[in-house]
Amino acid sequence: REVFEGCEMIVKVKEPQAAERAML
């Protein structure tokens, strides 16, 4: 959550899961 809230760009591997999408 800190990463999603604090960063302008998120670099991942797999598609964001539902819990991650809620933080975008």
PDB file of all heavy atoms in Angstrom:
ATOM      1  N   ARG A   1       0.828  -1.210   0.000  1.00  0.00           N
ATOM      2  CA  ARG A   1       0.000   0.000   0.000  1.00  0.00           C
ATOM      3  C   ARG A   1       0.864   1.263   0.000  1.00  0.00           C
ATOM      4  O   ARG A   1       0.559   2.236  -0.705  1.00  0.00           O
ATOM      5  CB  ARG A   1      -0.947  -0.001   1.205  1.00  0.00           C
ATOM      6  CG  ARG A   1      -1.839   1.238   1.275  1.00  0.00           C
ATOM      7  CD  ARG A   1      -2.940   1.097   2.294  1.00  0.00           C
ATOM      8  NE  ARG A   1      -3.894   0.064   1.906  1.00  0.00           N
ATOM      9  CZ  ARG A   1      -4.877   0.246   1.023  1.00  0.00           C
ATOM     10  NH1 ARG A   1      -5.018   1.424   0.418  1.00  0.00           N
ATOM     11  NH2 ARG A   1      -5.700  -0.732   0.748  1.00  0.00           N
ATOM     12  N   GLU A   2       1.941   1.249   0.767  1.00  0.00           N
ATOM     13  CA  GLU A   2       2.837   2.410   0.791  1.00  0.00           C
ATOM     14  C   GLU A   2       3.434   2.666  -0.590  1.00  0.00           C
ATOM     15  O   GLU A   2       3.593   3.813  -1.008  1.00  0.00           O
ATOM     16  CB  GLU A   2       3.954   2.196   1.811  1.00  0.00           C
ATOM     17  CG  GLU A   2       3.501   2.204   3.259  1.00  0.00           C
ATOM     18  CD  GLU A   2       4.636   1.881   4.209  1.00  0.00           C
ATOM     19  OE1 GLU A   2       5.529   2.742   4.366  1.00  0.00           O
ATOM     20  OE2 GLU A   2       4.641   0.762   4.769  1.00  0.00           O
ATOM     21  N   VAL A   3       3.785   1.573  -1.295  1.00  0.00           N
ATOM     22  CA  VAL A   3       4.343   1.722  -2.642  1.00  0.00           C
ATOM     23  C   VAL A   3       3.298   2.308  -3.583  1.00  0.00           C
ATOM     24  O   VAL A   3       3.570   3.264  -4.327  1.00  0.00           O
ATOM     25  CB  VAL A   3       4.862   0.369  -3.173  1.00  0.00           C
ATOM     26  CG1 VAL A   3       5.368   0.520  -4.610  1.00  0.00           C
ATOM     27  CG2 VAL A   3       5.970  -0.171  -2.279  1.00  0.00           C
ATOM     28  N   PHE A   4       2.090   1.742  -3.560  1.00  0.00           N
ATOM     29  CA  PHE A   4       1.037   2.224  -4.454  1.00  0.00           C
ATOM     30  C   PHE A   4       0.666   3.672  -4.150  1.00  0.00           C
ATOM     31  O   PHE A   4       0.410   4.461  -5.068  1.00  0.00           O
ATOM     32  CB  PHE A   4      -0.205   1.326  -4.346  1.00  0.00           C
ATOM     33  CG  PHE A   4      -0.133   0.079  -5.187  1.00  0.00           C
ATOM     34  CD1 PHE A   4       0.345  -1.103  -4.653  1.00  0.00           C
ATOM     35  CD2 PHE A   4      -0.535   0.091  -6.514  1.00  0.00           C
ATOM     36  CE1 PHE A   4       0.422  -2.256  -5.422  1.00  0.00           C
ATOM     37  CE2 PHE A   4      -0.464  -1.055  -7.296  1.00  0.00           C
ATOM     38  CZ  PHE A   4       0.015  -2.233  -6.757  1.00  0.00           C
ATOM     39  N   GLU A   5       0.640   4.021  -2.884  1.00  0.00           N
ATOM     40  CA  GLU A   5       0.256   5.388  -2.516  1.00  0.00           C
ATOM     41  C   GLU A   5       1.359   6.400  -2.782  1.00  0.00           C
ATOM     42  O   GLU A   5       1.088   7.561  -3.086  1.00  0.00           O
ATOM     43  CB  GLU A   5      -0.142   5.435  -1.037  1.00  0.00           C
ATOM     44  CG  GLU A   5      -1.460   4.733  -0.748  1.00  0.00           C
ATOM     45  CD  GLU A   5      -1.834   4.790   0.731  1.00  0.00           C
ATOM     46  OE1 GLU A   5      -0.985   5.231   1.543  1.00  0.00           O
ATOM     47  OE2 GLU A   5      -2.967   4.394   1.066  1.00  0.00           O
ATOM     48  N   GLY A   6       2.616   5.959  -2.712  1.00  0.00           N
ATOM     49  CA  GLY A   6       3.715   6.913  -2.785  1.00  0.00           C
ATOM     50  C   GLY A   6       4.399   7.056  -4.125  1.00  0.00           C
ATOM     51  O   GLY A   6       5.175   7.991  -4.316  1.00  0.00           O
ATOM     52  N   CYS A   7       4.128   6.146  -5.067  1.00  0.00           N
ATOM     53  CA  CYS A   7       4.898   6.129  -6.317  1.00  0.00           C
ATOM     54  C   CYS A   7       4.067   6.559  -7.531  1.00  0.00           C
ATOM     55  O   CYS A   7       2.884   6.245  -7.635  1.00  0.00           O
ATOM     56  CB  CYS A   7       5.472   4.739  -6.558  1.00  0.00           C
ATOM     57  SG  CYS A   7       6.722   4.277  -5.336  1.00  0.00           S
ATOM     58  N   GLU A   8       4.744   7.239  -8.442  1.00  0.00           N
ATOM     59  CA  GLU A   8       4.095   7.693  -9.671  1.00  0.00           C
ATOM     60  C   GLU A   8       3.987   6.586 -10.706  1.00  0.00           C
ATOM     61  O   GLU A   8       3.078   6.583 -11.531  1.00  0.00           O
ATOM     62  CB  GLU A   8       4.883   8.859 -10.264  1.00  0.00           C
ATOM     63  CG  GLU A   8       4.981  10.074  -9.353  1.00  0.00           C
ATOM     64  CD  GLU A   8       6.152  10.955  -9.737  1.00  0.00           C
ATOM     65  OE1 GLU A   8       6.005  11.729 -10.716  1.00  0.00           O
ATOM     66  OE2 GLU A   8       7.216  10.866  -9.090  1.00  0.00           O
ATOM     67  N   MET A   9       4.943   5.659 -10.688  1.00  0.00           N
ATOM     68  CA  MET A   9       4.915   4.528 -11.611  1.00  0.00           C
ATOM     69  C   MET A   9       5.124   3.238 -10.833  1.00  0.00           C
ATOM     70  O   MET A   9       6.035   3.149 -10.011  1.00  0.00           O
ATOM     71  CB  MET A   9       5.976   4.648 -12.713  1.00  0.00           C
ATOM     72  CG  MET A   9       6.006   3.436 -13.655  1.00  0.00           C
ATOM     73  SD  MET A   9       6.886   3.682 -15.214  1.00  0.00           S
ATOM     74  CE  MET A   9       8.580   3.816 -14.662  1.00  0.00           C
ATOM     75  N   ILE A  10       4.271   2.246 -11.128  1.00  0.00           N
ATOM     76  CA  ILE A  10       4.379   0.920 -10.534  1.00  0.00           C
ATOM     77  C   ILE A  10       4.870  -0.044 -11.604  1.00  0.00           C
ATOM     78  O   ILE A  10       4.267  -0.150 -12.677  1.00  0.00           O
ATOM     79  CB  ILE A  10       3.023   0.426  -9.987  1.00  0.00           C
ATOM     80  CG1 ILE A  10       2.434   1.431  -8.986  1.00  0.00           C
ATOM     81  CG2 ILE A  10       3.170  -0.962  -9.366  1.00  0.00           C
ATOM     82  CD1 ILE A  10       3.247   1.611  -7.729  1.00  0.00           C
ATOM     83  N   VAL A  11       5.969  -0.744 -11.315  1.00  0.00           N
ATOM     84  CA  VAL A  11       6.516  -1.739 -12.236  1.00  0.00           C
ATOM     85  C   VAL A  11       6.293  -3.113 -11.614  1.00  0.00           C
ATOM     86  O   VAL A  11       6.774  -3.392 -10.509  1.00  0.00           O
ATOM     87  CB  VAL A  11       8.019  -1.505 -12.487  1.00  0.00           C
ATOM     88  CG1 VAL A  11       8.563  -2.546 -13.469  1.00  0.00           C
ATOM     89  CG2 VAL A  11       8.255  -0.098 -13.043  1.00  0.00           C
ATOM     90  N   LYS A  12       5.545  -3.960 -12.321  1.00  0.00           N
ATOM     91  CA  LYS A  12       5.226  -5.291 -11.815  1.00  0.00           C
ATOM     92  C   LYS A  12       5.617  -6.348 -12.856  1.00  0.00           C
ATOM     93  O   LYS A  12       6.228  -6.042 -13.869  1.00  0.00           O
ATOM     94  CB  LYS A  12       3.728  -5.423 -11.518  1.00  0.00           C
ATOM     95  CG  LYS A  12       3.253  -4.597 -10.299  1.00  0.00           C
ATOM     96  CD  LYS A  12       1.765  -4.814 -10.053  1.00  0.00           C
ATOM     97  CE  LYS A  12       1.484  -6.079  -9.265  1.00  0.00           C
ATOM     98  NZ  LYS A  12       1.481  -7.322 -10.021  1.00  0.00           N
ATOM     99  N   VAL A  13       5.187  -7.578 -12.575  1.00  0.00           N
ATOM    100  CA  VAL A  13       5.330  -8.672 -13.532  1.00  0.00           C
ATOM    101  C   VAL A  13       3.951  -9.097 -14.000  1.00  0.00           C
ATOM    102  O   VAL A  13       3.612  -8.973 -15.166  1.00  0.00           O
ATOM    103  CB  VAL A  13       6.084  -9.871 -12.927  1.00  0.00           C
ATOM    104  CG1 VAL A  13       6.163 -11.017 -13.943  1.00  0.00           C
ATOM    105  CG2 VAL A  13       7.474  -9.467 -12.489  1.00  0.00           C
ATOM    106  N   LYS A  14       3.134  -9.592 -13.072  1.00  0.00           N
ATOM    107  CA  LYS A  14       1.809 -10.074 -13.429  1.00  0.00           C
ATOM    108  C   LYS A  14       0.778  -8.962 -13.328  1.00  0.00           C
ATOM    109  O   LYS A  14       0.984  -7.930 -12.679  1.00  0.00           O
ATOM    110  CB  LYS A  14       1.395 -11.246 -12.534  1.00  0.00           C
ATOM    111  CG  LYS A  14       2.194 -12.511 -12.775  1.00  0.00           C
ATOM    112  CD  LYS A  14       2.140 -12.959 -14.239  1.00  0.00           C
ATOM    113  CE  LYS A  14       0.764 -13.407 -14.679  1.00  0.00           C
ATOM    114  NZ  LYS A  14       0.734 -13.780 -16.121  1.00  0.00           N
ATOM    115  N   GLU A  15      -0.367  -9.212 -13.972  1.00  0.00           N
ATOM    116  CA  GLU A  15      -1.476  -8.268 -13.909  1.00  0.00           C
ATOM    117  C   GLU A  15      -1.852  -7.999 -12.450  1.00  0.00           C
ATOM    118  O   GLU A  15      -1.760  -8.895 -11.612  1.00  0.00           O
ATOM    119  CB  GLU A  15      -2.694  -8.808 -14.673  1.00  0.00           C
ATOM    120  CG  GLU A  15      -3.413  -9.990 -14.032  1.00  0.00           C
ATOM    121  CD  GLU A  15      -2.734 -11.326 -14.266  1.00  0.00           C
ATOM    122  OE1 GLU A  15      -1.721 -11.380 -14.987  1.00  0.00           O
ATOM    123  OE2 GLU A  15      -3.228 -12.338 -13.706  1.00  0.00           O
ATOM    124  N   PRO A  16      -2.239  -6.770 -12.130  1.00  0.00           N
ATOM    125  CA  PRO A  16      -2.601  -6.469 -10.739  1.00  0.00           C
ATOM    126  C   PRO A  16      -3.813  -7.293 -10.311  1.00  0.00           C
ATOM    127  O   PRO A  16      -4.804  -7.392 -11.035  1.00  0.00           O
ATOM    128  CB  PRO A  16      -2.911  -4.970 -10.762  1.00  0.00           C
ATOM    129  CG  PRO A  16      -3.267  -4.672 -12.188  1.00  0.00           C
ATOM    130  CD  PRO A  16      -2.429  -5.606 -13.018  1.00  0.00           C
ATOM    131  N   GLN A  17      -3.715  -7.894  -9.136  1.00  0.00           N
ATOM    132  CA  GLN A  17      -4.837  -8.637  -8.582  1.00  0.00           C
ATOM    133  C   GLN A  17      -5.862  -7.650  -8.008  1.00  0.00           C
ATOM    134  O   GLN A  17      -5.611  -6.452  -7.905  1.00  0.00           O
ATOM    135  CB  GLN A  17      -4.329  -9.586  -7.509  1.00  0.00           C
ATOM    136  CG  GLN A  17      -3.241 -10.538  -8.002  1.00  0.00           C
ATOM    137  CD  GLN A  17      -3.685 -11.427  -9.148  1.00  0.00           C
ATOM    138  OE1 GLN A  17      -4.500 -12.326  -8.969  1.00  0.00           O
ATOM    139  NE2 GLN A  17      -3.160 -11.182 -10.340  1.00  0.00           N
ATOM    140  N   ALA A  18      -7.037  -8.157  -7.649  1.00  0.00           N
ATOM    141  CA  ALA A  18      -8.131  -7.274  -7.240  1.00  0.00           C
ATOM    142  C   ALA A  18      -7.717  -6.336  -6.111  1.00  0.00           C
ATOM    143  O   ALA A  18      -8.030  -5.129  -6.136  1.00  0.00           O
ATOM    144  CB  ALA A  18      -9.341  -8.106  -6.837  1.00  0.00           C
ATOM    145  N   ALA A  19      -6.993  -6.867  -5.117  1.00  0.00           N
ATOM    146  CA  ALA A  19      -6.568  -6.026  -3.995  1.00  0.00           C
ATOM    147  C   ALA A  19      -5.597  -4.933  -4.436  1.00  0.00           C
ATOM    148  O   ALA A  19      -5.594  -3.828  -3.884  1.00  0.00           O
ATOM    149  CB  ALA A  19      -5.918  -6.896  -2.916  1.00  0.00           C
ATOM    150  N   GLU A  20      -4.790  -5.235  -5.442  1.00  0.00           N
ATOM    151  CA  GLU A  20      -3.840  -4.246  -5.956  1.00  0.00           C
ATOM    152  C   GLU A  20      -4.553  -3.216  -6.821  1.00  0.00           C
ATOM    153  O   GLU A  20      -4.230  -2.010  -6.762  1.00  0.00           O
ATOM    154  CB  GLU A  20      -2.747  -4.952  -6.760  1.00  0.00           C
ATOM    155  CG  GLU A  20      -1.878  -5.874  -5.921  1.00  0.00           C
ATOM    156  CD  GLU A  20      -0.931  -6.714  -6.746  1.00  0.00           C
ATOM    157  OE1 GLU A  20      -1.350  -7.236  -7.819  1.00  0.00           O
ATOM    158  OE2 GLU A  20       0.232  -6.863  -6.335  1.00  0.00           O
ATOM    159  N   ARG A  21      -5.511  -3.660  -7.599  1.00  0.00           N
ATOM    160  CA  ARG A  21      -6.249  -2.725  -8.459  1.00  0.00           C
ATOM    161  C   ARG A  21      -6.980  -1.677  -7.625  1.00  0.00           C
ATOM    162  O   ARG A  21      -7.150  -0.537  -8.054  1.00  0.00           O
ATOM    163  CB  ARG A  21      -7.228  -3.490  -9.362  1.00  0.00           C
ATOM    164  CG  ARG A  21      -6.551  -4.469 -10.295  1.00  0.00           C
ATOM    165  CD  ARG A  21      -7.450  -4.906 -11.423  1.00  0.00           C
ATOM    166  NE  ARG A  21      -8.616  -5.666 -11.019  1.00  0.00           N
ATOM    167  CZ  ARG A  21      -8.667  -7.001 -10.938  1.00  0.00           C
ATOM    168  NH1 ARG A  21      -7.566  -7.716 -11.180  1.00  0.00           N
ATOM    169  NH2 ARG A  21      -9.785  -7.622 -10.613  1.00  0.00           N
ATOM    170  N   ALA A  22      -7.409  -2.084  -6.451  1.00  0.00           N
ATOM    171  CA  ALA A  22      -8.123  -1.153  -5.570  1.00  0.00           C
ATOM    172  C   ALA A  22      -7.218  -0.025  -5.083  1.00  0.00           C
ATOM    173  O   ALA A  22      -7.709   1.012  -4.628  1.00  0.00           O
ATOM    174  CB  ALA A  22      -8.705  -1.909  -4.379  1.00  0.00           C
ATOM    175  N   MET A  23      -5.901  -0.211  -5.191  1.00  0.00           N
ATOM    176  CA  MET A  23      -4.957   0.811  -4.722  1.00  0.00           C
ATOM    177  C   MET A  23      -4.459   1.714  -5.850  1.00  0.00           C
ATOM    178  O   MET A  23      -3.743   2.686  -5.586  1.00  0.00           O
ATOM    179  CB  MET A  23      -3.771   0.140  -4.021  1.00  0.00           C
ATOM    180  CG  MET A  23      -4.154  -0.584  -2.743  1.00  0.00           C
ATOM    181  SD  MET A  23      -2.725  -1.228  -1.811  1.00  0.00           S
ATOM    182  CE  MET A  23      -2.358  -2.735  -2.736  1.00  0.00           C
ATOM    183  N   LEU A  24      -4.793   1.396  -7.090  1.00  0.00           N
ATOM    184  CA  LEU A  24      -4.367   2.235  -8.209  1.00  0.00           C
ATOM    185  C   LEU A  24      -5.154   3.538  -8.208  1.00  0.00           C
ATOM    186  O   LEU A  24      -6.290   3.603  -7.737  1.00  0.00           O
ATOM    187  CB  LEU A  24      -4.583   1.496  -9.531  1.00  0.00           C
ATOM    188  CG  LEU A  24      -3.684   0.279  -9.769  1.00  0.00           C
ATOM    189  CD1 LEU A  24      -4.203  -0.529 -10.950  1.00  0.00           C
ATOM    190  CD2 LEU A  24      -2.246   0.712 -10.002  1.00  0.00           C
TER     191      LEU A  24
END
